[in-house]
């Protein structure tokens, strides 16, 4: 566990730092999916479709998001030998450290207030809540 720093020791606001690290269209969703187990590229792409009101993510955007998460050492890409090529993505220890934050975001989302704020109609709870079994 890392030592907690005092506010005076920090050079960057934690909220801004968090936004810079996981900001982007799909990064939080990718991290949330990978909390359960390692996933292949196609499985990640399919799960993004479920969680984004059916709007497909392009291969280019997903590849960029995955590369950025790798560069930030939150996920690792493992390539297996053989044909067809098999690639899996999983969380690193740094990535797993975000679990309490992601859990808190989902708990907040289960109130449905995000749909209210964004003006999204439909059933209460949203796609992420349905997928997480709530």
N, C-alpha and C. Protein backbone atom coordinates (compact mmCIF):
# COMPACT_ATOMS: atom_id res chain seq x y z
N UNK A 1 0.85 -1.19 0.00
CA UNK A 1 0.00 0.00 0.00
C UNK A 1 0.89 1.24 0.00
N UNK A 2 0.52 2.17 -0.79
CA UNK A 2 1.30 3.41 -0.89
C UNK A 2 0.99 4.33 0.29
N UNK A 3 2.01 5.09 0.66
CA UNK A 3 1.86 6.06 1.73
C UNK A 3 0.95 7.19 1.26
N UNK A 4 0.03 7.58 2.11
CA UNK A 4 -0.87 8.70 1.80
C UNK A 4 -0.08 10.00 1.92
N UNK A 5 -0.20 10.84 0.91
CA UNK A 5 0.51 12.12 0.92
C UNK A 5 -0.40 13.22 1.46
N UNK A 6 0.21 14.22 2.02
CA UNK A 6 -0.55 15.38 2.47
C UNK A 6 -0.84 16.26 1.25
N UNK A 7 -1.89 17.07 1.33
CA UNK A 7 -2.20 17.96 0.19
C UNK A 7 -1.01 18.85 -0.20
N UNK A 8 -0.20 19.26 0.76
CA UNK A 8 0.94 20.12 0.47
C UNK A 8 2.01 19.39 -0.35
N UNK A 9 2.06 18.07 -0.26
CA UNK A 9 3.06 17.28 -0.99
C UNK A 9 2.66 17.06 -2.46
N UNK A 10 1.41 17.27 -2.80
CA UNK A 10 0.94 17.03 -4.16
C UNK A 10 1.17 18.24 -5.05
N UNK A 11 1.56 17.97 -6.29
CA UNK A 11 1.75 19.05 -7.26
C UNK A 11 0.54 19.16 -8.19
N UNK A 12 -0.22 18.09 -8.34
CA UNK A 12 -1.37 18.07 -9.23
C UNK A 12 -2.61 17.68 -8.43
N UNK A 13 -3.69 18.37 -8.68
CA UNK A 13 -4.97 18.06 -8.03
C UNK A 13 -5.34 16.61 -8.32
N UNK A 14 -5.68 15.82 -7.29
CA UNK A 14 -6.04 14.41 -7.52
C UNK A 14 -7.20 14.23 -8.50
N UNK A 15 -8.18 15.11 -8.48
CA UNK A 15 -9.31 14.98 -9.40
C UNK A 15 -8.86 15.20 -10.84
N UNK A 16 -8.00 16.18 -11.06
CA UNK A 16 -7.49 16.41 -12.41
C UNK A 16 -6.59 15.26 -12.86
N UNK A 17 -5.78 14.74 -11.95
CA UNK A 17 -4.93 13.61 -12.28
C UNK A 17 -5.74 12.39 -12.67
N UNK A 18 -6.78 12.10 -11.90
CA UNK A 18 -7.66 10.97 -12.20
C UNK A 18 -8.30 11.15 -13.57
N UNK A 19 -8.76 12.35 -13.85
CA UNK A 19 -9.38 12.63 -15.14
C UNK A 19 -8.39 12.44 -16.29
N UNK A 20 -7.15 12.86 -16.10
CA UNK A 20 -6.14 12.68 -17.14
C UNK A 20 -5.79 11.21 -17.35
N UNK A 21 -5.80 10.44 -16.29
CA UNK A 21 -5.41 9.03 -16.37
C UNK A 21 -6.51 8.18 -17.01
N UNK A 22 -7.74 8.33 -16.58
CA UNK A 22 -8.81 7.46 -17.07
C UNK A 22 -9.84 8.20 -17.93
N UNK A 23 -9.55 9.46 -18.23
CA UNK A 23 -10.45 10.21 -19.08
C UNK A 23 -10.44 9.64 -20.49
N UNK A 24 -11.52 9.79 -21.15
CA UNK A 24 -11.66 9.23 -22.49
C UNK A 24 -13.02 8.57 -22.56
N UNK A 25 -13.39 8.23 -23.75
CA UNK A 25 -14.74 7.73 -23.96
C UNK A 25 -15.02 6.38 -23.30
N UNK A 26 -14.02 5.49 -23.28
CA UNK A 26 -14.30 4.11 -22.84
C UNK A 26 -13.37 3.58 -21.75
N UNK A 27 -12.41 4.35 -21.30
CA UNK A 27 -11.42 3.82 -20.36
C UNK A 27 -12.03 3.29 -19.07
N UNK A 28 -12.91 4.04 -18.45
CA UNK A 28 -13.52 3.56 -17.21
C UNK A 28 -14.30 2.27 -17.44
N UNK A 29 -15.02 2.22 -18.53
CA UNK A 29 -15.81 1.02 -18.85
C UNK A 29 -14.88 -0.19 -19.07
N UNK A 30 -13.76 0.01 -19.77
CA UNK A 30 -12.80 -1.08 -19.99
C UNK A 30 -12.26 -1.57 -18.65
N UNK A 31 -11.89 -0.65 -17.78
CA UNK A 31 -11.37 -1.04 -16.47
C UNK A 31 -12.42 -1.81 -15.68
N UNK A 32 -13.67 -1.35 -15.74
CA UNK A 32 -14.75 -2.02 -15.02
C UNK A 32 -14.92 -3.46 -15.51
N UNK A 33 -14.88 -3.66 -16.80
CA UNK A 33 -15.02 -4.99 -17.39
C UNK A 33 -13.87 -5.89 -16.94
N UNK A 34 -12.65 -5.36 -16.96
CA UNK A 34 -11.47 -6.17 -16.64
C UNK A 34 -11.34 -6.48 -15.14
N UNK A 35 -12.16 -5.85 -14.31
CA UNK A 35 -12.14 -6.19 -12.89
C UNK A 35 -12.55 -7.64 -12.65
N UNK A 36 -13.40 -8.17 -13.52
CA UNK A 36 -13.92 -9.53 -13.35
C UNK A 36 -12.91 -10.60 -13.71
N UNK A 37 -12.25 -10.41 -14.87
CA UNK A 37 -11.31 -11.42 -15.38
C UNK A 37 -10.63 -10.85 -16.62
N UNK A 38 -9.59 -11.54 -17.12
CA UNK A 38 -9.00 -11.11 -18.40
C UNK A 38 -10.02 -11.29 -19.54
N UNK A 39 -9.97 -10.40 -20.49
CA UNK A 39 -10.86 -10.47 -21.65
C UNK A 39 -10.06 -10.33 -22.93
N UNK A 40 -10.60 -10.93 -23.99
CA UNK A 40 -10.04 -10.77 -25.32
C UNK A 40 -10.60 -9.49 -25.94
N UNK A 41 -9.92 -9.02 -26.97
CA UNK A 41 -10.30 -7.77 -27.63
C UNK A 41 -11.78 -7.76 -28.03
N UNK A 42 -12.21 -8.82 -28.71
CA UNK A 42 -13.60 -8.88 -29.17
C UNK A 42 -14.60 -8.88 -28.03
N UNK A 43 -14.25 -9.51 -26.92
CA UNK A 43 -15.14 -9.52 -25.76
C UNK A 43 -15.25 -8.12 -25.16
N UNK A 44 -14.14 -7.41 -25.12
CA UNK A 44 -14.17 -6.04 -24.61
C UNK A 44 -15.05 -5.18 -25.51
N UNK A 45 -14.85 -5.32 -26.81
CA UNK A 45 -15.64 -4.53 -27.77
C UNK A 45 -17.14 -4.83 -27.63
N UNK A 46 -17.49 -6.11 -27.47
CA UNK A 46 -18.90 -6.49 -27.30
C UNK A 46 -19.46 -5.92 -25.99
N UNK A 47 -18.67 -5.93 -24.93
CA UNK A 47 -19.17 -5.41 -23.65
C UNK A 47 -19.36 -3.90 -23.72
N UNK A 48 -18.57 -3.22 -24.52
CA UNK A 48 -18.76 -1.78 -24.69
C UNK A 48 -20.06 -1.47 -25.40
N UNK A 49 -20.45 -2.33 -26.31
CA UNK A 49 -21.72 -2.15 -27.02
C UNK A 49 -22.88 -2.23 -26.04
N UNK A 50 -22.80 -3.19 -25.10
CA UNK A 50 -23.86 -3.34 -24.10
C UNK A 50 -23.96 -2.14 -23.18
N UNK A 51 -22.84 -1.53 -22.84
CA UNK A 51 -22.83 -0.47 -21.84
C UNK A 51 -22.95 0.94 -22.39
N UNK A 52 -23.09 1.07 -23.71
CA UNK A 52 -23.10 2.41 -24.28
C UNK A 52 -24.34 2.68 -25.13
N UNK A 53 -25.45 2.13 -24.72
CA UNK A 53 -26.73 2.34 -25.40
C UNK A 53 -26.70 1.88 -26.85
N UNK A 54 -25.90 0.86 -27.15
CA UNK A 54 -25.89 0.26 -28.47
C UNK A 54 -25.09 0.99 -29.52
N UNK A 55 -24.34 2.01 -29.13
CA UNK A 55 -23.51 2.74 -30.08
C UNK A 55 -22.18 2.00 -30.21
N UNK A 56 -21.87 1.46 -31.38
CA UNK A 56 -20.64 0.67 -31.52
C UNK A 56 -19.38 1.51 -31.39
N UNK A 57 -18.38 0.94 -30.77
CA UNK A 57 -17.07 1.57 -30.67
C UNK A 57 -16.27 1.13 -31.89
N UNK A 58 -15.57 2.06 -32.49
CA UNK A 58 -14.77 1.70 -33.65
C UNK A 58 -13.50 0.98 -33.19
N UNK A 59 -12.95 0.15 -34.06
CA UNK A 59 -11.73 -0.57 -33.74
C UNK A 59 -10.59 0.41 -33.45
N UNK A 60 -10.53 1.49 -34.18
CA UNK A 60 -9.48 2.50 -34.00
C UNK A 60 -9.55 3.12 -32.60
N UNK A 61 -10.74 3.50 -32.18
CA UNK A 61 -10.91 4.13 -30.87
C UNK A 61 -10.60 3.13 -29.76
N UNK A 62 -11.11 1.91 -29.87
CA UNK A 62 -10.86 0.91 -28.83
C UNK A 62 -9.37 0.61 -28.74
N UNK A 63 -8.70 0.46 -29.86
CA UNK A 63 -7.26 0.19 -29.85
C UNK A 63 -6.50 1.32 -29.17
N UNK A 64 -6.90 2.55 -29.46
CA UNK A 64 -6.25 3.72 -28.84
C UNK A 64 -6.45 3.72 -27.33
N UNK A 65 -7.67 3.46 -26.89
CA UNK A 65 -7.97 3.45 -25.46
C UNK A 65 -7.17 2.36 -24.75
N UNK A 66 -7.10 1.16 -25.36
CA UNK A 66 -6.34 0.06 -24.76
C UNK A 66 -4.85 0.40 -24.69
N UNK A 67 -4.30 1.00 -25.74
CA UNK A 67 -2.89 1.39 -25.74
C UNK A 67 -2.59 2.42 -24.66
N UNK A 68 -3.49 3.38 -24.50
CA UNK A 68 -3.28 4.41 -23.47
C UNK A 68 -3.33 3.79 -22.07
N UNK A 69 -4.24 2.86 -21.85
CA UNK A 69 -4.30 2.19 -20.55
C UNK A 69 -3.05 1.35 -20.30
N UNK A 70 -2.50 0.76 -21.35
CA UNK A 70 -1.24 0.02 -21.23
C UNK A 70 -0.09 0.97 -20.90
N UNK A 71 -0.03 2.09 -21.59
CA UNK A 71 1.04 3.07 -21.35
C UNK A 71 0.99 3.60 -19.91
N UNK A 72 -0.19 3.67 -19.37
CA UNK A 72 -0.35 4.16 -17.99
C UNK A 72 -0.20 3.04 -16.97
N UNK A 73 0.11 1.83 -17.47
CA UNK A 73 0.38 0.65 -16.65
C UNK A 73 -0.84 0.20 -15.82
N UNK A 74 -2.04 0.45 -16.36
CA UNK A 74 -3.26 0.00 -15.69
C UNK A 74 -3.71 -1.36 -16.20
N UNK A 75 -3.36 -1.67 -17.45
CA UNK A 75 -3.68 -2.98 -18.01
C UNK A 75 -2.44 -3.55 -18.68
N UNK A 76 -2.47 -4.86 -18.89
CA UNK A 76 -1.39 -5.54 -19.59
C UNK A 76 -2.00 -6.34 -20.74
N UNK A 77 -1.28 -6.36 -21.84
CA UNK A 77 -1.70 -7.11 -23.03
C UNK A 77 -0.83 -8.35 -23.13
N UNK A 78 -1.48 -9.52 -23.19
CA UNK A 78 -0.74 -10.77 -23.30
C UNK A 78 -1.10 -11.43 -24.62
N UNK A 79 -0.08 -11.70 -25.42
CA UNK A 79 -0.29 -12.33 -26.72
C UNK A 79 0.17 -13.78 -26.64
N UNK A 80 -0.70 -14.69 -27.10
CA UNK A 80 -0.41 -16.11 -27.10
C UNK A 80 0.05 -16.55 -28.47
N UNK A 81 0.99 -17.48 -28.50
CA UNK A 81 1.48 -18.02 -29.77
C UNK A 81 0.41 -18.87 -30.42
N UNK A 82 0.49 -19.00 -31.72
CA UNK A 82 -0.43 -19.86 -32.45
C UNK A 82 -1.34 -19.10 -33.38
N UNK A 83 -2.08 -19.88 -34.13
CA UNK A 83 -3.04 -19.32 -35.06
C UNK A 83 -4.41 -19.87 -34.75
N UNK A 84 -5.44 -19.12 -34.70
CA UNK A 84 -5.41 -17.67 -34.87
C UNK A 84 -4.75 -16.98 -33.67
N UNK A 85 -4.32 -15.77 -33.89
CA UNK A 85 -3.68 -14.98 -32.86
C UNK A 85 -4.65 -14.77 -31.70
N UNK A 86 -4.18 -14.97 -30.48
CA UNK A 86 -5.01 -14.76 -29.31
C UNK A 86 -4.35 -13.73 -28.41
N UNK A 87 -5.10 -12.67 -28.09
CA UNK A 87 -4.60 -11.60 -27.23
C UNK A 87 -5.59 -11.41 -26.10
N UNK A 88 -5.07 -11.29 -24.88
CA UNK A 88 -5.90 -11.04 -23.71
C UNK A 88 -5.41 -9.78 -23.00
N UNK A 89 -6.37 -9.08 -22.43
CA UNK A 89 -6.07 -7.89 -21.64
C UNK A 89 -6.50 -8.16 -20.20
N UNK A 90 -5.67 -7.74 -19.26
CA UNK A 90 -6.01 -7.89 -17.84
C UNK A 90 -5.49 -6.69 -17.08
N UNK A 91 -5.99 -6.53 -15.86
CA UNK A 91 -5.57 -5.42 -15.02
C UNK A 91 -4.22 -5.71 -14.37
N UNK A 92 -3.44 -4.66 -14.18
CA UNK A 92 -2.22 -4.73 -13.39
C UNK A 92 -2.60 -4.44 -11.93
N UNK A 93 -1.64 -4.50 -11.05
CA UNK A 93 -1.91 -4.13 -9.65
C UNK A 93 -2.35 -2.67 -9.55
N UNK A 94 -1.72 -1.79 -10.35
CA UNK A 94 -2.16 -0.39 -10.35
C UNK A 94 -3.62 -0.28 -10.80
N UNK A 95 -3.98 -1.04 -11.82
CA UNK A 95 -5.36 -1.03 -12.30
C UNK A 95 -6.32 -1.57 -11.26
N UNK A 96 -5.94 -2.63 -10.58
CA UNK A 96 -6.79 -3.19 -9.52
C UNK A 96 -7.00 -2.21 -8.38
N UNK A 97 -6.04 -1.32 -8.19
CA UNK A 97 -6.17 -0.31 -7.14
C UNK A 97 -7.33 0.65 -7.38
N UNK A 98 -7.84 0.69 -8.60
CA UNK A 98 -8.98 1.56 -8.91
C UNK A 98 -10.32 0.93 -8.56
N UNK A 99 -10.32 -0.32 -8.12
CA UNK A 99 -11.59 -1.00 -7.84
C UNK A 99 -12.50 -0.23 -6.88
N UNK A 100 -12.00 0.28 -5.74
CA UNK A 100 -12.91 1.02 -4.86
C UNK A 100 -13.53 2.25 -5.53
N UNK A 101 -12.76 2.91 -6.38
CA UNK A 101 -13.27 4.08 -7.09
C UNK A 101 -14.35 3.66 -8.07
N UNK A 102 -14.09 2.60 -8.83
CA UNK A 102 -15.07 2.11 -9.80
C UNK A 102 -16.33 1.61 -9.10
N UNK A 103 -16.15 0.92 -7.99
CA UNK A 103 -17.31 0.46 -7.21
C UNK A 103 -18.16 1.64 -6.75
N UNK A 104 -17.51 2.70 -6.29
CA UNK A 104 -18.24 3.90 -5.83
C UNK A 104 -19.00 4.55 -6.99
N UNK A 105 -18.37 4.60 -8.16
CA UNK A 105 -19.03 5.18 -9.34
C UNK A 105 -20.27 4.37 -9.70
N UNK A 106 -20.15 3.05 -9.68
CA UNK A 106 -21.30 2.19 -10.00
C UNK A 106 -22.40 2.34 -8.96
N UNK A 107 -22.04 2.39 -7.68
CA UNK A 107 -23.05 2.58 -6.63
C UNK A 107 -23.81 3.87 -6.86
N UNK A 108 -23.09 4.94 -7.19
CA UNK A 108 -23.73 6.21 -7.49
C UNK A 108 -24.65 6.05 -8.70
N UNK A 109 -24.15 5.34 -9.73
CA UNK A 109 -24.93 5.16 -10.95
C UNK A 109 -26.18 4.33 -10.75
N UNK A 110 -26.15 3.42 -9.78
CA UNK A 110 -27.33 2.58 -9.54
C UNK A 110 -28.51 3.39 -9.02
N UNK A 111 -28.29 4.64 -8.64
CA UNK A 111 -29.40 5.51 -8.27
C UNK A 111 -30.13 6.01 -9.51
N UNK A 112 -29.47 5.91 -10.67
CA UNK A 112 -30.07 6.38 -11.91
C UNK A 112 -29.92 7.87 -12.13
N UNK A 113 -29.26 8.55 -11.22
CA UNK A 113 -29.14 10.00 -11.33
C UNK A 113 -28.35 10.41 -12.57
N UNK A 114 -27.41 9.58 -13.00
CA UNK A 114 -26.65 9.92 -14.21
C UNK A 114 -27.56 9.99 -15.43
N UNK A 115 -28.55 9.10 -15.50
CA UNK A 115 -29.49 9.13 -16.61
C UNK A 115 -30.38 10.37 -16.53
N UNK A 116 -30.73 10.73 -15.33
CA UNK A 116 -31.53 11.95 -15.13
C UNK A 116 -30.73 13.18 -15.57
N UNK A 117 -29.48 13.27 -15.13
CA UNK A 117 -28.63 14.41 -15.47
C UNK A 117 -28.41 14.49 -16.98
N UNK A 118 -28.20 13.34 -17.62
CA UNK A 118 -27.93 13.31 -19.06
C UNK A 118 -29.19 13.30 -19.92
N UNK A 119 -30.36 13.22 -19.28
CA UNK A 119 -31.61 13.23 -20.03
C UNK A 119 -31.86 11.96 -20.81
N UNK A 120 -31.43 10.83 -20.25
CA UNK A 120 -31.61 9.54 -20.91
C UNK A 120 -32.85 8.88 -20.33
N UNK A 121 -33.81 8.56 -21.21
CA UNK A 121 -35.02 7.89 -20.77
C UNK A 121 -34.84 6.39 -20.72
N UNK A 122 -35.86 5.69 -20.38
CA UNK A 122 -35.80 4.23 -20.37
C UNK A 122 -35.96 3.69 -18.97
N UNK A 123 -35.61 2.42 -18.83
CA UNK A 123 -35.81 1.75 -17.55
C UNK A 123 -34.77 2.21 -16.54
N UNK A 124 -35.17 2.26 -15.25
CA UNK A 124 -34.23 2.66 -14.21
C UNK A 124 -33.07 1.68 -14.11
N UNK A 125 -31.90 2.20 -13.78
CA UNK A 125 -30.74 1.35 -13.56
C UNK A 125 -29.78 1.32 -14.72
N UNK A 126 -30.25 1.43 -15.95
CA UNK A 126 -29.36 1.50 -17.10
C UNK A 126 -28.71 0.18 -17.45
N UNK A 127 -27.95 0.19 -18.54
CA UNK A 127 -27.31 -1.01 -19.07
C UNK A 127 -26.25 -1.57 -18.14
N UNK A 128 -25.45 -0.72 -17.52
CA UNK A 128 -24.39 -1.20 -16.66
C UNK A 128 -24.99 -1.89 -15.44
N UNK A 129 -26.05 -1.35 -14.89
CA UNK A 129 -26.67 -1.99 -13.74
C UNK A 129 -27.25 -3.35 -14.12
N UNK A 130 -27.88 -3.42 -15.30
CA UNK A 130 -28.44 -4.71 -15.73
C UNK A 130 -27.33 -5.74 -15.93
N UNK A 131 -26.22 -5.30 -16.52
CA UNK A 131 -25.13 -6.23 -16.78
C UNK A 131 -24.48 -6.69 -15.49
N UNK A 132 -24.40 -5.81 -14.48
CA UNK A 132 -23.75 -6.21 -13.23
C UNK A 132 -24.68 -7.05 -12.36
N UNK A 133 -25.88 -7.30 -12.84
CA UNK A 133 -26.78 -8.22 -12.15
C UNK A 133 -27.68 -7.55 -11.13
N UNK A 134 -27.74 -6.24 -11.14
CA UNK A 134 -28.60 -5.53 -10.18
C UNK A 134 -29.97 -5.28 -10.75
